[in-house]
């Protein structure tokens, strides 16, 4: 059974009521942070409210995209268990990618 979690990591109730509450919250408060870097890359940190495998469980995600938009390509992705970790991770992702130049570098050359 899928387990759903609030932003504070407390679980939603099982069943349709919990699913409805999670869906409403996700639509209203999904973004934790988002930054468009001077080089045009977009860093987005979101609360997912589901556990994405692994230990510790990850309920937040930061991704760096080549642009902001529907056809954006993911360049990097990190996961976190708590919102505090996600905020710190968002800033770290921005720092990691701020010097990347789309016209002169390969994404694989960026160090983790």
N, C-alpha and C. Protein backbone atom coordinates (compact mmCIF):
# COMPACT_ATOMS: atom_id res chain seq x y z
N UNK A 1 0.83 -1.19 0.00
CA UNK A 1 0.00 0.00 0.00
C UNK A 1 0.87 1.25 0.00
N UNK A 2 0.51 2.22 -0.80
CA UNK A 2 1.21 3.49 -0.89
C UNK A 2 1.00 4.28 0.40
N UNK A 3 2.11 4.78 0.97
CA UNK A 3 2.02 5.64 2.14
C UNK A 3 2.26 7.08 1.72
N UNK A 4 1.42 7.97 2.19
CA UNK A 4 1.50 9.39 1.87
C UNK A 4 1.86 10.17 3.13
N UNK A 5 2.69 11.21 2.96
CA UNK A 5 3.19 11.98 4.11
C UNK A 5 3.03 13.47 3.88
N UNK A 6 2.69 14.17 4.97
CA UNK A 6 2.61 15.62 4.94
C UNK A 6 4.02 16.22 4.87
N UNK A 7 4.09 17.51 4.64
CA UNK A 7 5.40 18.18 4.57
C UNK A 7 6.18 18.04 5.86
N UNK A 8 5.49 17.91 6.99
CA UNK A 8 6.19 17.74 8.28
C UNK A 8 6.52 16.28 8.56
N UNK A 9 6.32 15.40 7.57
CA UNK A 9 6.62 13.97 7.62
C UNK A 9 5.64 13.13 8.43
N UNK A 10 4.56 13.73 8.91
CA UNK A 10 3.53 12.91 9.55
C UNK A 10 2.69 12.25 8.46
N UNK A 11 2.24 11.01 8.69
CA UNK A 11 1.49 10.31 7.65
C UNK A 11 0.05 10.82 7.51
N UNK A 12 -0.43 10.77 6.28
CA UNK A 12 -1.85 10.99 6.04
C UNK A 12 -2.60 9.73 6.44
N UNK A 13 -3.88 9.83 6.72
CA UNK A 13 -4.66 8.61 6.99
C UNK A 13 -4.67 7.71 5.76
N UNK A 14 -4.75 6.42 5.98
CA UNK A 14 -4.89 5.48 4.87
C UNK A 14 -6.27 5.64 4.24
N UNK A 15 -6.38 5.25 3.01
CA UNK A 15 -7.68 5.23 2.34
C UNK A 15 -7.97 6.49 1.56
N UNK A 16 -9.20 6.58 1.05
CA UNK A 16 -9.59 7.68 0.17
C UNK A 16 -9.49 9.06 0.82
N UNK A 17 -9.77 9.14 2.12
CA UNK A 17 -9.71 10.44 2.79
C UNK A 17 -8.28 11.00 2.79
N UNK A 18 -7.32 10.13 3.10
CA UNK A 18 -5.92 10.55 3.10
C UNK A 18 -5.44 10.92 1.71
N UNK A 19 -5.85 10.15 0.72
CA UNK A 19 -5.48 10.43 -0.66
C UNK A 19 -6.03 11.78 -1.11
N UNK A 20 -7.28 12.06 -0.75
CA UNK A 20 -7.89 13.34 -1.12
C UNK A 20 -7.18 14.50 -0.44
N UNK A 21 -6.83 14.35 0.83
CA UNK A 21 -6.13 15.41 1.57
C UNK A 21 -4.74 15.64 0.97
N UNK A 22 -4.00 14.56 0.67
CA UNK A 22 -2.68 14.67 0.07
C UNK A 22 -2.76 15.38 -1.28
N UNK A 23 -3.71 14.99 -2.10
CA UNK A 23 -3.87 15.59 -3.43
C UNK A 23 -4.14 17.09 -3.33
N UNK A 24 -5.00 17.47 -2.42
CA UNK A 24 -5.31 18.89 -2.21
C UNK A 24 -4.06 19.65 -1.75
N UNK A 25 -3.34 19.09 -0.78
CA UNK A 25 -2.13 19.74 -0.28
C UNK A 25 -1.05 19.82 -1.35
N UNK A 26 -0.89 18.75 -2.13
CA UNK A 26 0.13 18.73 -3.18
C UNK A 26 -0.12 19.83 -4.20
N UNK A 27 -1.36 19.99 -4.61
CA UNK A 27 -1.70 21.03 -5.59
C UNK A 27 -1.51 22.43 -5.04
N UNK A 28 -1.69 22.59 -3.73
CA UNK A 28 -1.62 23.92 -3.12
C UNK A 28 -0.20 24.31 -2.69
N UNK A 29 0.61 23.34 -2.31
CA UNK A 29 1.90 23.68 -1.68
C UNK A 29 3.07 22.84 -2.16
N UNK A 30 3.06 22.42 -3.39
CA UNK A 30 4.09 21.51 -3.89
C UNK A 30 5.49 22.13 -3.87
N UNK A 31 5.65 23.36 -4.35
CA UNK A 31 6.98 23.96 -4.45
C UNK A 31 7.51 24.41 -3.10
N UNK A 32 8.73 24.01 -2.82
CA UNK A 32 9.44 24.45 -1.63
C UNK A 32 10.29 25.66 -2.00
N UNK A 33 11.04 25.53 -3.10
CA UNK A 33 11.87 26.61 -3.64
C UNK A 33 11.99 26.41 -5.15
N UNK A 34 12.18 27.51 -5.87
CA UNK A 34 12.56 27.42 -7.28
C UNK A 34 13.40 28.63 -7.62
N UNK A 35 14.44 28.38 -8.42
CA UNK A 35 15.40 29.42 -8.78
C UNK A 35 15.76 29.28 -10.24
N UNK A 36 15.72 30.38 -10.97
CA UNK A 36 16.27 30.40 -12.32
C UNK A 36 17.65 31.04 -12.18
N UNK A 37 18.69 30.28 -12.50
CA UNK A 37 20.06 30.75 -12.38
C UNK A 37 20.38 31.73 -13.52
N UNK A 38 21.39 32.59 -13.35
CA UNK A 38 21.76 33.54 -14.40
C UNK A 38 22.07 32.87 -15.74
N UNK A 39 22.52 31.61 -15.72
CA UNK A 39 22.84 30.89 -16.95
C UNK A 39 21.60 30.25 -17.60
N UNK A 40 20.43 30.49 -17.01
CA UNK A 40 19.18 29.99 -17.58
C UNK A 40 18.73 28.63 -17.06
N UNK A 41 19.56 27.98 -16.25
CA UNK A 41 19.16 26.70 -15.68
C UNK A 41 18.11 26.95 -14.60
N UNK A 42 17.21 25.98 -14.44
CA UNK A 42 16.13 26.09 -13.46
C UNK A 42 16.33 25.03 -12.40
N UNK A 43 16.37 25.45 -11.14
CA UNK A 43 16.47 24.54 -10.01
C UNK A 43 15.15 24.58 -9.27
N UNK A 44 14.54 23.42 -9.12
CA UNK A 44 13.22 23.32 -8.50
C UNK A 44 13.25 22.28 -7.39
N UNK A 45 12.76 22.67 -6.22
CA UNK A 45 12.64 21.75 -5.09
C UNK A 45 11.18 21.64 -4.73
N UNK A 46 10.70 20.40 -4.69
CA UNK A 46 9.29 20.14 -4.45
C UNK A 46 9.09 19.11 -3.34
N UNK A 47 7.97 19.22 -2.71
CA UNK A 47 7.50 18.21 -1.76
C UNK A 47 6.64 17.24 -2.54
N UNK A 48 6.95 15.95 -2.44
CA UNK A 48 6.19 14.93 -3.15
C UNK A 48 5.19 14.23 -2.25
N UNK A 49 5.52 14.09 -0.99
CA UNK A 49 4.60 13.46 -0.06
C UNK A 49 4.53 11.95 -0.16
N UNK A 50 5.39 11.36 -0.96
CA UNK A 50 5.46 9.90 -1.05
C UNK A 50 6.91 9.51 -0.81
N UNK A 51 7.13 8.30 -0.39
CA UNK A 51 8.49 7.83 -0.19
C UNK A 51 9.03 7.29 -1.50
N UNK A 52 10.19 7.80 -1.90
CA UNK A 52 10.83 7.38 -3.14
C UNK A 52 11.96 6.43 -2.76
N UNK A 53 11.62 5.18 -2.51
CA UNK A 53 12.62 4.14 -2.21
C UNK A 53 13.76 4.59 -1.32
N UNK A 54 14.57 3.66 -0.95
CA UNK A 54 15.77 3.96 -0.20
C UNK A 54 15.56 4.23 1.27
N UNK A 55 16.66 4.23 1.97
CA UNK A 55 16.68 4.52 3.39
C UNK A 55 17.75 5.58 3.59
N UNK A 56 17.51 6.70 4.19
CA UNK A 56 16.21 7.10 4.74
C UNK A 56 15.21 7.42 3.63
N UNK A 57 13.94 7.40 3.98
CA UNK A 57 12.93 7.69 2.96
C UNK A 57 13.05 9.12 2.45
N UNK A 58 12.82 9.31 1.17
CA UNK A 58 12.88 10.66 0.60
C UNK A 58 11.48 11.10 0.20
N UNK A 59 11.11 12.28 0.68
CA UNK A 59 9.79 12.83 0.41
C UNK A 59 9.85 14.18 -0.28
N UNK A 60 11.07 14.66 -0.53
CA UNK A 60 11.31 15.92 -1.23
C UNK A 60 12.31 15.66 -2.34
N UNK A 61 12.24 16.49 -3.38
CA UNK A 61 13.13 16.31 -4.52
C UNK A 61 13.60 17.66 -5.04
N UNK A 62 14.89 17.76 -5.33
CA UNK A 62 15.44 18.92 -6.03
C UNK A 62 15.95 18.44 -7.37
N UNK A 63 15.61 19.18 -8.41
CA UNK A 63 16.10 18.85 -9.75
C UNK A 63 16.62 20.11 -10.41
N UNK A 64 17.66 19.93 -11.22
CA UNK A 64 18.20 21.02 -12.04
C UNK A 64 17.85 20.69 -13.49
N UNK A 65 17.23 21.65 -14.16
CA UNK A 65 16.79 21.47 -15.55
C UNK A 65 17.56 22.43 -16.45
N UNK A 66 17.65 22.08 -17.73
CA UNK A 66 18.35 22.94 -18.69
C UNK A 66 17.59 24.22 -18.99
N UNK A 67 16.32 24.26 -18.64
CA UNK A 67 15.49 25.45 -18.83
C UNK A 67 14.22 25.27 -18.03
N UNK A 68 13.42 26.31 -17.96
CA UNK A 68 12.12 26.21 -17.29
C UNK A 68 11.06 26.03 -18.36
N UNK A 69 10.33 24.97 -18.29
CA UNK A 69 9.30 24.74 -19.29
C UNK A 69 8.98 23.27 -19.44
N UNK A 70 7.98 22.98 -20.23
CA UNK A 70 7.47 21.63 -20.37
C UNK A 70 8.46 20.67 -21.04
N UNK A 71 9.36 21.18 -21.88
CA UNK A 71 10.32 20.32 -22.57
C UNK A 71 11.70 20.33 -21.92
N UNK A 72 11.79 20.80 -20.69
CA UNK A 72 13.07 20.89 -20.00
C UNK A 72 13.67 19.50 -19.77
N UNK A 73 14.99 19.44 -19.81
CA UNK A 73 15.72 18.19 -19.60
C UNK A 73 16.34 18.22 -18.20
N UNK A 74 16.18 17.13 -17.45
CA UNK A 74 16.76 17.03 -16.11
C UNK A 74 18.26 16.79 -16.23
N UNK A 75 19.04 17.65 -15.58
CA UNK A 75 20.49 17.52 -15.56
C UNK A 75 21.00 16.86 -14.30
N UNK A 76 20.24 17.00 -13.21
CA UNK A 76 20.67 16.49 -11.91
C UNK A 76 19.44 16.38 -11.01
N UNK A 77 19.50 15.48 -10.04
CA UNK A 77 18.35 15.26 -9.16
C UNK A 77 18.84 14.72 -7.81
N UNK A 78 18.33 15.31 -6.73
CA UNK A 78 18.66 14.86 -5.37
C UNK A 78 17.36 14.68 -4.60
N UNK A 79 17.38 13.79 -3.59
CA UNK A 79 16.20 13.52 -2.76
C UNK A 79 16.52 13.70 -1.28
N UNK A 80 15.48 14.05 -0.51
CA UNK A 80 15.65 14.35 0.91
C UNK A 80 14.46 13.81 1.70
N UNK A 81 14.70 13.62 3.00
CA UNK A 81 13.64 13.15 3.89
C UNK A 81 12.85 14.29 4.52
N UNK A 82 13.52 15.41 4.78
CA UNK A 82 12.86 16.52 5.49
C UNK A 82 12.90 17.80 4.66
N UNK A 83 12.03 18.72 5.01
CA UNK A 83 11.99 20.00 4.31
C UNK A 83 13.25 20.82 4.58
N UNK A 84 13.78 20.75 5.79
CA UNK A 84 15.02 21.48 6.10
C UNK A 84 16.15 20.96 5.21
N UNK A 85 16.29 19.64 5.07
CA UNK A 85 17.31 19.07 4.19
C UNK A 85 17.08 19.54 2.74
N UNK A 86 15.82 19.61 2.33
CA UNK A 86 15.49 20.02 0.96
C UNK A 86 15.89 21.47 0.70
N UNK A 87 15.66 22.34 1.66
CA UNK A 87 16.03 23.75 1.49
C UNK A 87 17.55 23.90 1.39
N UNK A 88 18.27 23.22 2.27
CA UNK A 88 19.74 23.25 2.23
C UNK A 88 20.23 22.65 0.91
N UNK A 89 19.62 21.54 0.49
CA UNK A 89 19.99 20.90 -0.76
C UNK A 89 19.71 21.76 -1.97
N UNK A 90 18.62 22.51 -1.93
CA UNK A 90 18.29 23.41 -3.04
C UNK A 90 19.42 24.43 -3.24
N UNK A 91 19.85 25.03 -2.13
CA UNK A 91 20.93 26.02 -2.21
C UNK A 91 22.22 25.37 -2.72
N UNK A 92 22.50 24.14 -2.28
CA UNK A 92 23.70 23.43 -2.74
C UNK A 92 23.62 23.13 -4.23
N UNK A 93 22.43 22.75 -4.71
CA UNK A 93 22.25 22.48 -6.14
C UNK A 93 22.46 23.75 -6.95
N UNK A 94 21.93 24.87 -6.46
CA UNK A 94 22.14 26.15 -7.15
C UNK A 94 23.63 26.47 -7.23
N UNK A 95 24.35 26.29 -6.12
CA UNK A 95 25.78 26.57 -6.10
C UNK A 95 26.53 25.66 -7.06
N UNK A 96 26.14 24.40 -7.11
CA UNK A 96 26.81 23.43 -7.98
C UNK A 96 26.69 23.82 -9.45
N UNK A 97 25.51 24.29 -9.87
CA UNK A 97 25.24 24.52 -11.28
C UNK A 97 25.36 25.97 -11.73
N UNK A 98 25.60 26.90 -10.83
CA UNK A 98 25.60 28.32 -11.22
C UNK A 98 26.70 28.67 -12.22
N UNK A 99 27.81 27.96 -12.23
CA UNK A 99 28.88 28.26 -13.15
C UNK A 99 28.81 27.53 -14.48
N UNK A 100 27.81 26.67 -14.62
CA UNK A 100 27.68 25.87 -15.85
C UNK A 100 27.30 26.76 -17.01
N UNK A 101 28.02 26.61 -18.13
CA UNK A 101 27.69 27.36 -19.34
C UNK A 101 27.21 26.38 -20.39
N UNK A 102 25.96 26.52 -20.76
CA UNK A 102 25.34 25.61 -21.73
C UNK A 102 26.11 25.53 -23.04
N UNK A 103 26.70 26.63 -23.44
CA UNK A 103 27.37 26.66 -24.74
C UNK A 103 28.83 26.18 -24.70
N UNK A 104 29.38 25.91 -23.50
CA UNK A 104 30.79 25.52 -23.42
C UNK A 104 31.06 24.27 -22.58
N UNK A 105 30.07 23.70 -21.97
CA UNK A 105 30.34 22.58 -21.06
C UNK A 105 29.37 21.45 -21.26
N UNK A 106 29.80 20.32 -20.81
CA UNK A 106 28.98 19.11 -20.83
C UNK A 106 28.48 18.90 -19.39
N UNK A 107 27.21 18.57 -19.23
CA UNK A 107 26.65 18.37 -17.89
C UNK A 107 27.41 17.32 -17.12
N UNK A 108 28.00 16.33 -17.80
CA UNK A 108 28.74 15.29 -17.10
C UNK A 108 30.02 15.81 -16.46
N UNK A 109 30.46 17.00 -16.85
CA UNK A 109 31.68 17.56 -16.29
C UNK A 109 31.46 18.23 -14.94
N UNK A 110 30.21 18.44 -14.53
CA UNK A 110 29.90 19.06 -13.24
C UNK A 110 30.08 18.01 -12.16
N UNK A 111 30.84 18.37 -11.11
CA UNK A 111 31.12 17.45 -10.01
C UNK A 111 30.01 17.49 -8.98
N UNK A 112 29.69 16.33 -8.41
CA UNK A 112 28.67 16.24 -7.36
C UNK A 112 29.20 16.82 -6.07
